[in-house]
Amino acid sequence: MKKTKVIYIYGAPATGKLTTAKALSLATGFKLAHNHLTTDLVRSIFERGNPKGDMYIVKLRFEILEMALQENVSGIIMTGAHAHNYLYPNGESDEWYATRLEEITQKNGGEFYGVNLTTSNETLLQRVTESNRKEWGKISTIEILKDSLAKYDYFKTAPLQNNLIIDNTDVSPEEVAKKIIDFAEIH
């Protein structure tokens, strides 16, 4: 039986995580569980900043991942903004979150691949105002993005065993997806 492959695409806001994840899902048939699916569900009931709501988002993502692995889904793509100095209400960081995804995957017999998307600051500022970002309640103004970039360290790679860094400043989502397919040996 083939192992489930989990691809975790992370990086700063507006680096193209969801766009890349959609291209990768289309190319591979892997299931896409992007972060705004769970965030928007929980935030429809709990306000942003509600500690119980914020931790439930994390718990829900962990449980969905574990269940998918136990059901032997062929592949799962997850996304998330990753900031080295972001803290969850339980006092843990995004590094904890990323390594916990990796641990859950390995504990359940899967293969975990981290993909850190980066891009130039100029490109971030261009992408952040694209209309599709508002659909998912993402950061969608230059001012809010600049505030977030000043507050959080999005540019440190997560401490994962299998990690690929891709600068997609001048690379199409389809080309990035191909690099991920090669990296994770998806056939």
N, C-alpha and C. Protein backbone atom coordinates (compact mmCIF):
# COMPACT_ATOMS: atom_id res chain seq x y z
N MET A 1 0.84 -1.18 0.00
CA MET A 1 0.00 0.00 0.00
C MET A 1 0.88 1.25 0.00
N LYS A 2 0.54 2.21 -0.87
CA LYS A 2 1.31 3.46 -0.95
C LYS A 2 1.05 4.32 0.27
N LYS A 3 2.09 5.02 0.69
CA LYS A 3 1.97 5.95 1.82
C LYS A 3 1.28 7.23 1.36
N THR A 4 0.47 7.79 2.24
CA THR A 4 -0.13 9.08 1.97
C THR A 4 0.95 10.16 1.99
N LYS A 5 0.94 11.01 0.99
CA LYS A 5 1.89 12.13 0.95
C LYS A 5 1.16 13.39 1.39
N VAL A 6 1.77 14.08 2.33
CA VAL A 6 1.22 15.34 2.82
C VAL A 6 2.17 16.46 2.41
N ILE A 7 1.65 17.44 1.69
CA ILE A 7 2.42 18.59 1.25
C ILE A 7 1.91 19.80 2.03
N TYR A 8 2.79 20.41 2.81
CA TYR A 8 2.44 21.59 3.59
C TYR A 8 3.12 22.80 2.96
N ILE A 9 2.32 23.65 2.31
CA ILE A 9 2.83 24.84 1.64
C ILE A 9 2.66 26.02 2.58
N TYR A 10 3.77 26.66 2.93
CA TYR A 10 3.71 27.74 3.91
C TYR A 10 4.57 28.92 3.48
N GLY A 11 4.32 30.04 4.13
CA GLY A 11 5.09 31.25 3.84
C GLY A 11 4.32 32.48 4.27
N ALA A 12 4.82 33.62 3.90
CA ALA A 12 4.20 34.90 4.25
C ALA A 12 2.87 35.07 3.51
N PRO A 13 2.01 35.97 3.99
CA PRO A 13 0.80 36.28 3.24
C PRO A 13 1.17 36.77 1.83
N ALA A 14 0.36 36.38 0.85
CA ALA A 14 0.48 36.81 -0.55
C ALA A 14 1.67 36.20 -1.28
N THR A 15 2.22 35.10 -0.77
CA THR A 15 3.29 34.42 -1.51
C THR A 15 2.74 33.46 -2.57
N GLY A 16 1.43 33.26 -2.60
CA GLY A 16 0.85 32.38 -3.61
C GLY A 16 0.61 30.96 -3.13
N LYS A 17 0.41 30.79 -1.84
CA LYS A 17 0.23 29.44 -1.28
C LYS A 17 -1.01 28.75 -1.84
N LEU A 18 -2.15 29.42 -1.79
CA LEU A 18 -3.39 28.80 -2.27
C LEU A 18 -3.36 28.62 -3.78
N THR A 19 -2.86 29.59 -4.51
CA THR A 19 -2.76 29.47 -5.97
C THR A 19 -1.88 28.29 -6.35
N THR A 20 -0.75 28.14 -5.66
CA THR A 20 0.15 27.01 -5.90
C THR A 20 -0.53 25.70 -5.51
N ALA A 21 -1.21 25.70 -4.37
CA ALA A 21 -1.88 24.49 -3.89
C ALA A 21 -2.95 24.02 -4.88
N LYS A 22 -3.69 24.97 -5.46
CA LYS A 22 -4.70 24.60 -6.45
C LYS A 22 -4.05 23.99 -7.70
N ALA A 23 -2.95 24.58 -8.15
CA ALA A 23 -2.23 24.04 -9.31
C ALA A 23 -1.69 22.65 -9.00
N LEU A 24 -1.18 22.45 -7.80
CA LEU A 24 -0.65 21.15 -7.39
C LEU A 24 -1.77 20.12 -7.29
N SER A 25 -2.90 20.51 -6.74
CA SER A 25 -4.04 19.60 -6.63
C SER A 25 -4.52 19.18 -8.02
N LEU A 26 -4.59 20.13 -8.93
CA LEU A 26 -5.02 19.85 -10.30
C LEU A 26 -4.05 18.88 -10.98
N ALA A 27 -2.76 19.06 -10.76
CA ALA A 27 -1.74 18.22 -11.40
C ALA A 27 -1.64 16.82 -10.79
N THR A 28 -2.00 16.69 -9.51
CA THR A 28 -1.79 15.42 -8.80
C THR A 28 -3.06 14.68 -8.40
N GLY A 29 -4.16 15.39 -8.33
CA GLY A 29 -5.39 14.79 -7.80
C GLY A 29 -5.42 14.75 -6.28
N PHE A 30 -4.41 15.33 -5.63
CA PHE A 30 -4.37 15.36 -4.16
C PHE A 30 -5.50 16.25 -3.64
N LYS A 31 -5.98 15.93 -2.46
CA LYS A 31 -7.02 16.71 -1.79
C LYS A 31 -6.42 18.00 -1.25
N LEU A 32 -7.17 19.08 -1.35
CA LEU A 32 -6.70 20.38 -0.88
C LEU A 32 -7.47 20.78 0.38
N ALA A 33 -6.74 20.90 1.47
CA ALA A 33 -7.31 21.34 2.75
C ALA A 33 -6.61 22.63 3.16
N HIS A 34 -6.90 23.71 2.43
CA HIS A 34 -6.20 24.97 2.72
C HIS A 34 -6.71 25.59 4.01
N ASN A 35 -5.86 26.41 4.61
CA ASN A 35 -6.12 26.89 5.97
C ASN A 35 -7.39 27.70 6.12
N HIS A 36 -7.86 28.37 5.09
CA HIS A 36 -9.05 29.21 5.25
C HIS A 36 -10.34 28.39 5.32
N LEU A 37 -10.32 27.14 4.92
CA LEU A 37 -11.52 26.31 5.07
C LEU A 37 -11.86 26.15 6.55
N THR A 38 -10.87 25.82 7.36
CA THR A 38 -11.12 25.65 8.79
C THR A 38 -11.24 27.00 9.49
N THR A 39 -10.42 27.95 9.11
CA THR A 39 -10.48 29.27 9.73
C THR A 39 -11.86 29.90 9.55
N ASP A 40 -12.36 29.88 8.33
CA ASP A 40 -13.65 30.51 8.06
C ASP A 40 -14.79 29.79 8.76
N LEU A 41 -14.73 28.47 8.85
CA LEU A 41 -15.75 27.71 9.57
C LEU A 41 -15.81 28.14 11.03
N VAL A 42 -14.68 28.12 11.70
CA VAL A 42 -14.63 28.45 13.13
C VAL A 42 -14.93 29.93 13.35
N ARG A 43 -14.42 30.79 12.49
CA ARG A 43 -14.64 32.23 12.66
C ARG A 43 -16.08 32.63 12.37
N SER A 44 -16.86 31.75 11.74
CA SER A 44 -18.27 32.06 11.55
C SER A 44 -19.02 32.05 12.88
N ILE A 45 -18.40 31.47 13.91
CA ILE A 45 -19.01 31.40 15.24
C ILE A 45 -18.20 32.17 16.27
N PHE A 46 -16.88 32.03 16.23
CA PHE A 46 -16.00 32.67 17.21
C PHE A 46 -15.23 33.81 16.55
N GLU A 47 -15.15 34.94 17.21
CA GLU A 47 -14.40 36.08 16.70
C GLU A 47 -12.90 35.77 16.64
N ARG A 48 -12.21 36.43 15.73
CA ARG A 48 -10.74 36.35 15.68
C ARG A 48 -10.21 36.78 17.04
N GLY A 49 -9.24 36.04 17.54
CA GLY A 49 -8.66 36.37 18.84
C GLY A 49 -9.31 35.64 20.01
N ASN A 50 -10.42 34.94 19.77
CA ASN A 50 -11.02 34.14 20.83
C ASN A 50 -10.12 32.92 21.04
N PRO A 51 -9.49 32.78 22.20
CA PRO A 51 -8.51 31.70 22.40
C PRO A 51 -9.07 30.30 22.13
N LYS A 52 -10.29 30.04 22.58
CA LYS A 52 -10.87 28.71 22.35
C LYS A 52 -11.13 28.48 20.86
N GLY A 53 -11.62 29.51 20.18
CA GLY A 53 -11.85 29.40 18.75
C GLY A 53 -10.55 29.21 17.98
N ASP A 54 -9.53 30.00 18.35
CA ASP A 54 -8.24 29.89 17.67
C ASP A 54 -7.62 28.51 17.84
N MET A 55 -7.73 27.95 19.04
CA MET A 55 -7.17 26.61 19.27
C MET A 55 -8.02 25.53 18.61
N TYR A 56 -9.33 25.78 18.46
CA TYR A 56 -10.17 24.79 17.79
C TYR A 56 -9.82 24.70 16.31
N ILE A 57 -9.45 25.82 15.71
CA ILE A 57 -8.99 25.79 14.31
C ILE A 57 -7.82 24.81 14.18
N VAL A 58 -6.86 24.92 15.07
CA VAL A 58 -5.68 24.06 15.05
C VAL A 58 -6.08 22.61 15.29
N LYS A 59 -6.90 22.38 16.30
CA LYS A 59 -7.35 21.02 16.63
C LYS A 59 -8.07 20.39 15.44
N LEU A 60 -8.93 21.15 14.80
CA LEU A 60 -9.68 20.66 13.65
C LEU A 60 -8.74 20.26 12.51
N ARG A 61 -7.73 21.08 12.25
CA ARG A 61 -6.77 20.74 11.19
C ARG A 61 -6.01 19.46 11.51
N PHE A 62 -5.58 19.33 12.76
CA PHE A 62 -4.86 18.12 13.17
C PHE A 62 -5.76 16.89 13.02
N GLU A 63 -7.02 17.01 13.44
CA GLU A 63 -7.94 15.87 13.38
C GLU A 63 -8.26 15.49 11.94
N ILE A 64 -8.47 16.47 11.08
CA ILE A 64 -8.74 16.19 9.67
C ILE A 64 -7.55 15.48 9.04
N LEU A 65 -6.35 15.98 9.32
CA LEU A 65 -5.14 15.34 8.79
C LEU A 65 -5.04 13.90 9.26
N GLU A 66 -5.20 13.69 10.56
CA GLU A 66 -5.08 12.34 11.11
C GLU A 66 -6.12 11.39 10.50
N MET A 67 -7.35 11.85 10.37
CA MET A 67 -8.41 11.03 9.80
C MET A 67 -8.11 10.69 8.33
N ALA A 68 -7.65 11.66 7.57
CA ALA A 68 -7.32 11.43 6.16
C ALA A 68 -6.19 10.41 6.03
N LEU A 69 -5.20 10.50 6.91
CA LEU A 69 -4.10 9.54 6.90
C LEU A 69 -4.59 8.14 7.25
N GLN A 70 -5.46 8.05 8.22
CA GLN A 70 -6.00 6.75 8.63
C GLN A 70 -6.87 6.13 7.55
N GLU A 71 -7.48 6.98 6.73
CA GLU A 71 -8.30 6.50 5.61
C GLU A 71 -7.46 6.28 4.36
N ASN A 72 -6.16 6.51 4.46
CA ASN A 72 -5.21 6.28 3.37
C ASN A 72 -5.53 7.09 2.11
N VAL A 73 -5.91 8.35 2.32
CA VAL A 73 -6.08 9.27 1.19
C VAL A 73 -4.73 9.36 0.49
N SER A 74 -4.72 9.34 -0.84
CA SER A 74 -3.44 9.27 -1.55
C SER A 74 -2.55 10.48 -1.31
N GLY A 75 -3.14 11.67 -1.22
CA GLY A 75 -2.34 12.86 -0.99
C GLY A 75 -3.17 14.00 -0.46
N ILE A 76 -2.55 14.81 0.38
CA ILE A 76 -3.21 15.94 1.01
C ILE A 76 -2.30 17.16 0.88
N ILE A 77 -2.88 18.27 0.48
CA ILE A 77 -2.15 19.54 0.41
C ILE A 77 -2.74 20.46 1.46
N MET A 78 -1.88 20.97 2.33
CA MET A 78 -2.31 21.92 3.36
C MET A 78 -1.53 23.22 3.15
N THR A 79 -2.12 24.32 3.56
CA THR A 79 -1.45 25.61 3.43
C THR A 79 -1.49 26.35 4.76
N GLY A 80 -0.59 27.31 4.90
CA GLY A 80 -0.62 28.15 6.10
C GLY A 80 0.43 29.24 6.06
N ALA A 81 0.03 30.41 6.58
CA ALA A 81 1.02 31.46 6.81
C ALA A 81 1.88 30.98 7.97
N HIS A 82 3.17 31.10 7.84
CA HIS A 82 4.08 30.58 8.87
C HIS A 82 4.98 31.72 9.33
N ALA A 83 4.83 32.08 10.61
CA ALA A 83 5.68 33.13 11.18
C ALA A 83 6.41 32.56 12.38
N HIS A 84 7.71 32.63 12.34
CA HIS A 84 8.56 32.08 13.40
C HIS A 84 8.14 32.57 14.79
N ASN A 85 7.71 33.82 14.89
CA ASN A 85 7.41 34.40 16.20
C ASN A 85 5.91 34.53 16.49
N TYR A 86 5.05 33.89 15.70
CA TYR A 86 3.61 33.89 16.00
C TYR A 86 3.36 32.90 17.12
N LEU A 87 2.53 33.29 18.09
CA LEU A 87 2.20 32.39 19.20
C LEU A 87 0.71 32.10 19.23
N TYR A 88 0.38 30.82 19.41
CA TYR A 88 -1.00 30.38 19.59
C TYR A 88 -1.41 30.64 21.04
N PRO A 89 -2.71 30.60 21.34
CA PRO A 89 -3.15 30.82 22.72
C PRO A 89 -2.54 29.85 23.74
N ASN A 90 -2.09 28.69 23.28
CA ASN A 90 -1.46 27.73 24.21
C ASN A 90 0.03 28.04 24.43
N GLY A 91 0.51 29.14 23.85
CA GLY A 91 1.90 29.55 24.03
C GLY A 91 2.87 28.93 23.03
N GLU A 92 2.38 28.06 22.16
CA GLU A 92 3.23 27.41 21.16
C GLU A 92 3.34 28.29 19.91
N SER A 93 4.36 28.03 19.11
CA SER A 93 4.64 28.83 17.92
C SER A 93 4.22 28.11 16.65
N ASP A 94 4.35 28.82 15.53
CA ASP A 94 4.10 28.20 14.23
C ASP A 94 5.08 27.06 13.96
N GLU A 95 6.27 27.12 14.54
CA GLU A 95 7.21 26.00 14.40
C GLU A 95 6.63 24.75 15.05
N TRP A 96 6.00 24.90 16.21
CA TRP A 96 5.30 23.79 16.87
C TRP A 96 4.22 23.24 15.94
N TYR A 97 3.43 24.14 15.36
CA TYR A 97 2.33 23.73 14.48
C TYR A 97 2.85 22.91 13.30
N ALA A 98 3.87 23.41 12.62
CA ALA A 98 4.42 22.72 11.45
C ALA A 98 5.01 21.36 11.83
N THR A 99 5.77 21.31 12.92
CA THR A 99 6.36 20.03 13.33
C THR A 99 5.29 19.08 13.83
N ARG A 100 4.20 19.59 14.38
CA ARG A 100 3.09 18.73 14.82
C ARG A 100 2.41 18.10 13.60
N LEU A 101 2.22 18.86 12.54
CA LEU A 101 1.68 18.29 11.30
C LEU A 101 2.58 17.15 10.81
N GLU A 102 3.88 17.39 10.85
CA GLU A 102 4.85 16.38 10.42
C GLU A 102 4.77 15.14 11.31
N GLU A 103 4.68 15.33 12.63
CA GLU A 103 4.59 14.20 13.57
C GLU A 103 3.33 13.39 13.35
N ILE A 104 2.20 14.05 13.17
CA ILE A 104 0.93 13.35 12.93
C ILE A 104 1.04 12.52 11.66
N THR A 105 1.62 13.11 10.63
CA THR A 105 1.78 12.40 9.35
C THR A 105 2.64 11.16 9.52
N GLN A 106 3.79 11.30 10.15
CA GLN A 106 4.71 10.17 10.32
C GLN A 106 4.13 9.10 11.24
N LYS A 107 3.46 9.53 12.31
CA LYS A 107 2.86 8.59 13.26
C LYS A 107 1.80 7.72 12.58
N ASN A 108 1.17 8.27 11.56
CA ASN A 108 0.12 7.56 10.84
C ASN A 108 0.60 6.98 9.51
N GLY A 109 1.93 6.82 9.36
CA GLY A 109 2.49 6.13 8.22
C GLY A 109 2.60 6.93 6.94
N GLY A 110 2.44 8.24 7.01
CA GLY A 110 2.53 9.07 5.82
C GLY A 110 3.90 9.68 5.62
N GLU A 111 4.06 10.35 4.49
CA GLU A 111 5.29 11.08 4.17
C GLU A 111 4.96 12.57 4.17
N PHE A 112 5.78 13.36 4.84
CA PHE A 112 5.51 14.79 5.00
C PHE A 112 6.55 15.61 4.26
N TYR A 113 6.09 16.60 3.50
CA TYR A 113 6.97 17.48 2.74
C TYR A 113 6.57 18.94 2.99
N GLY A 114 7.49 19.72 3.51
CA GLY A 114 7.26 21.14 3.69
C GLY A 114 7.75 21.91 2.47
N VAL A 115 6.97 22.89 2.06
CA VAL A 115 7.35 23.74 0.93
C VAL A 115 7.20 25.19 1.38
N ASN A 116 8.33 25.87 1.53
CA ASN A 116 8.35 27.26 1.96
C ASN A 116 8.38 28.15 0.72
N LEU A 117 7.25 28.80 0.44
CA LEU A 117 7.20 29.72 -0.69
C LEU A 117 7.71 31.09 -0.26
N THR A 118 8.57 31.66 -1.08
CA THR A 118 9.06 33.01 -0.85
C THR A 118 8.87 33.81 -2.14
N THR A 119 8.87 35.09 -2.01
CA THR A 119 8.79 35.96 -3.17
C THR A 119 9.33 37.33 -2.78
N SER A 120 9.59 38.16 -3.76
CA SER A 120 10.13 39.49 -3.46
C SER A 120 9.07 40.34 -2.75
N ASN A 121 9.53 41.32 -1.98
CA ASN A 121 8.60 42.23 -1.30
C ASN A 121 7.74 42.98 -2.31
N GLU A 122 8.33 43.36 -3.43
CA GLU A 122 7.59 44.06 -4.48
C GLU A 122 6.43 43.19 -4.98
N THR A 123 6.70 41.90 -5.18
CA THR A 123 5.66 40.98 -5.64
C THR A 123 4.59 40.78 -4.58
N LEU A 124 4.99 40.69 -3.31
CA LEU A 124 4.00 40.58 -2.22
C LEU A 124 3.03 41.76 -2.27
N LEU A 125 3.58 42.96 -2.43
CA LEU A 125 2.75 44.16 -2.44
C LEU A 125 1.82 44.20 -3.65
N GLN A 126 2.24 43.63 -4.77
CA GLN A 126 1.37 43.55 -5.95
C GLN A 126 0.27 42.51 -5.74
N ARG A 127 0.63 41.36 -5.21
CA ARG A 127 -0.33 40.26 -5.07
C ARG A 127 -1.38 40.50 -3.99
N VAL A 128 -1.02 41.21 -2.94
CA VAL A 128 -1.91 41.33 -1.79
C VAL A 128 -3.24 42.00 -2.13
N THR A 129 -3.27 42.83 -3.16
CA THR A 129 -4.50 43.54 -3.51
C THR A 129 -5.34 42.81 -4.56
N GLU A 130 -4.91 41.63 -4.99
CA GLU A 130 -5.69 40.88 -5.98
C GLU A 130 -7.06 40.53 -5.41
N SER A 131 -8.08 40.62 -6.25
CA SER A 131 -9.46 40.48 -5.79
C SER A 131 -9.78 39.12 -5.18
N ASN A 132 -9.12 38.06 -5.63
CA ASN A 132 -9.42 36.72 -5.11
C ASN A 132 -9.05 36.57 -3.64
N ARG A 133 -8.22 37.44 -3.09
CA ARG A 133 -7.81 37.34 -1.68
C ARG A 133 -8.97 37.68 -0.75
N LYS A 134 -9.85 38.58 -1.17
CA LYS A 134 -10.98 38.98 -0.32
C LYS A 134 -11.98 37.84 -0.14
N GLU A 135 -12.08 36.99 -1.15
CA GLU A 135 -13.02 35.86 -1.09
C GLU A 135 -12.81 35.01 0.16
N TRP A 136 -11.57 34.85 0.58
CA TRP A 136 -11.26 33.99 1.73
C TRP A 136 -10.92 34.80 2.98
N GLY A 137 -11.21 36.09 2.98
CA GLY A 137 -10.94 36.90 4.16
C GLY A 137 -9.46 37.06 4.47
N LYS A 138 -8.64 37.01 3.43
CA LYS A 138 -7.19 37.13 3.61
C LYS A 138 -6.78 38.59 3.73
N ILE A 139 -5.57 38.81 4.18
CA ILE A 139 -5.00 40.16 4.16
C ILE A 139 -5.08 40.65 2.71
N SER A 140 -5.69 41.82 2.51
CA SER A 140 -5.90 42.27 1.13
C SER A 140 -5.58 43.75 0.90
N THR A 141 -4.88 44.36 1.86
CA THR A 141 -4.44 45.74 1.64
C THR A 141 -2.94 45.82 1.92
N ILE A 142 -2.30 46.74 1.25
CA ILE A 142 -0.85 46.93 1.42
C ILE A 142 -0.55 47.34 2.86
N GLU A 143 -1.38 48.20 3.42
CA GLU A 143 -1.15 48.68 4.79
C GLU A 143 -1.18 47.52 5.80
N ILE A 144 -2.19 46.67 5.72
CA ILE A 144 -2.29 45.55 6.66
C ILE A 144 -1.15 44.56 6.44
N LEU A 145 -0.79 44.33 5.18
CA LEU A 145 0.34 43.44 4.90
C LEU A 145 1.62 44.00 5.50
N LYS A 146 1.88 45.27 5.30
CA LYS A 146 3.10 45.88 5.86
C LYS A 146 3.12 45.77 7.38
N ASP A 147 1.97 45.98 8.03
CA ASP A 147 1.88 45.84 9.49
C ASP A 147 2.19 44.40 9.90
N SER A 148 1.64 43.43 9.18
CA SER A 148 1.86 42.02 9.49
C SER A 148 3.32 41.64 9.28
N LEU A 149 3.92 42.12 8.20
CA LEU A 149 5.33 41.83 7.92
C LEU A 149 6.24 42.45 8.97
N ALA A 150 5.85 43.60 9.51
CA ALA A 150 6.65 44.25 10.56
C ALA A 150 6.51 43.51 11.89
N LYS A 151 5.36 42.92 12.12
CA LYS A 151 5.08 42.26 13.41
C LYS A 151 5.61 40.82 13.46
N TYR A 152 5.51 40.10 12.35
CA TYR A 152 5.83 38.67 12.35
C TYR A 152 7.02 38.35 11.44
N ASP A 153 7.79 37.37 11.85
CA ASP A 153 8.95 36.90 11.08
C ASP A 153 8.51 35.73 10.20
N TYR A 154 8.06 36.06 8.98
CA TYR A 154 7.58 35.04 8.04
C TYR A 154 8.70 34.39 7.24
N PHE A 155 9.92 34.85 7.42
CA PHE A 155 10.97 34.47 6.48
C PHE A 155 11.95 33.44 7.02
N LYS A 156 11.61 32.79 8.11
CA LYS A 156 12.43 31.71 8.64
C LYS A 156 11.78 30.39 8.24
N THR A 157 12.57 29.49 7.72
CA THR A 157 12.06 28.19 7.29
C THR A 157 11.72 27.33 8.50
N ALA A 158 10.62 26.61 8.40
CA ALA A 158 10.19 25.72 9.49
C ALA A 158 11.20 24.58 9.66
N PRO A 159 11.38 24.10 10.89
CA PRO A 159 12.36 23.03 11.16
C PRO A 159 11.79 21.65 10.84
N LEU A 160 11.65 21.37 9.56
CA LEU A 160 11.07 20.10 9.11
C LEU A 160 12.14 19.23 8.48
N GLN A 161 11.90 17.92 8.46
CA GLN A 161 12.89 16.99 7.91
C GLN A 161 13.02 17.11 6.40
N ASN A 162 11.90 17.22 5.69
CA ASN A 162 11.89 17.36 4.23
C ASN A 162 11.35 18.74 3.91
N ASN A 163 12.21 19.64 3.49
CA ASN A 163 11.81 21.03 3.29
C ASN A 163 12.38 21.56 1.99
N LEU A 164 11.53 22.16 1.18
CA LEU A 164 11.94 22.76 -0.08
C LEU A 164 11.61 24.25 -0.03
N ILE A 165 12.55 25.09 -0.38
CA ILE A 165 12.32 26.53 -0.45
C ILE A 165 12.23 26.91 -1.92
N ILE A 166 11.13 27.57 -2.29
CA ILE A 166 10.94 27.99 -3.67
C ILE A 166 10.63 29.48 -3.71
N ASP A 167 11.45 30.23 -4.43
CA ASP A 167 11.17 31.64 -4.69
C ASP A 167 10.33 31.69 -5.96
N ASN A 168 9.08 32.06 -5.81
CA ASN A 168 8.17 32.04 -6.96
C ASN A 168 7.91 33.44 -7.54
N THR A 169 8.85 34.35 -7.31
CA THR A 169 8.70 35.72 -7.80
C THR A 169 8.39 35.74 -9.30
N ASP A 170 9.14 35.00 -10.08
CA ASP A 170 8.96 35.00 -11.54
C ASP A 170 8.67 33.60 -12.07
N VAL A 171 7.97 32.79 -11.26
CA VAL A 171 7.69 31.40 -11.64
C VAL A 171 6.18 31.18 -11.57
N SER A 172 5.62 30.54 -12.59
CA SER A 172 4.17 30.30 -12.62
C SER A 172 3.78 29.26 -11.57
N PRO A 173 2.53 29.27 -11.12
CA PRO A 173 2.07 28.26 -10.17
C PRO A 173 2.25 26.83 -10.70
N GLU A 174 2.07 26.65 -12.00
CA GLU A 174 2.24 25.33 -12.59
C GLU A 174 3.70 24.87 -12.53
N GLU A 175 4.63 25.79 -12.74
CA GLU A 175 6.05 25.46 -12.62
C GLU A 175 6.42 25.14 -11.17
N VAL A 176 5.86 25.89 -10.24
CA VAL A 176 6.11 25.61 -8.82
C VAL A 176 5.54 24.24 -8.47
N ALA A 177 4.34 23.94 -8.96
CA ALA A 177 3.73 22.63 -8.71
C ALA A 177 4.63 21.51 -9.24
N LYS A 178 5.22 21.70 -10.41
CA LYS A 178 6.13 20.69 -10.98
C LYS A 178 7.34 20.48 -10.08
N LYS A 179 7.89 21.57 -9.53
CA LYS A 179 9.03 21.45 -8.61
C LYS A 179 8.64 20.65 -7.37
N ILE A 180 7.44 20.88 -6.87
CA ILE A 180 6.96 20.15 -5.69
C ILE A 180 6.75 18.68 -6.02
N ILE A 181 6.20 18.40 -7.18
CA ILE A 181 5.99 17.02 -7.62
C ILE A 181 7.33 16.28 -7.69
N ASP A 182 8.34 16.93 -8.24
CA ASP A 182 9.68 16.32 -8.31
C ASP A 182 10.26 16.12 -6.92
N PHE A 183 10.13 17.12 -6.06
CA PHE A 183 10.66 17.07 -4.69
C PHE A 183 10.04 15.93 -3.89
N ALA A 184 8.72 15.79 -3.99
CA ALA A 184 8.01 14.77 -3.21
C ALA A 184 7.91 13.44 -3.94
N GLU A 185 8.51 13.37 -5.12
CA GLU A 185 8.50 12.15 -5.93
C GLU A 185 7.08 11.61 -6.09
N ILE A 186 6.20 12.50 -6.57
CA ILE A 186 4.81 12.14 -6.81
C ILE A 186 4.71 11.60 -8.23
N HIS A 187 4.26 10.37 -8.34
CA HIS A 187 4.15 9.73 -9.66
C HIS A 187 2.73 9.28 -9.91
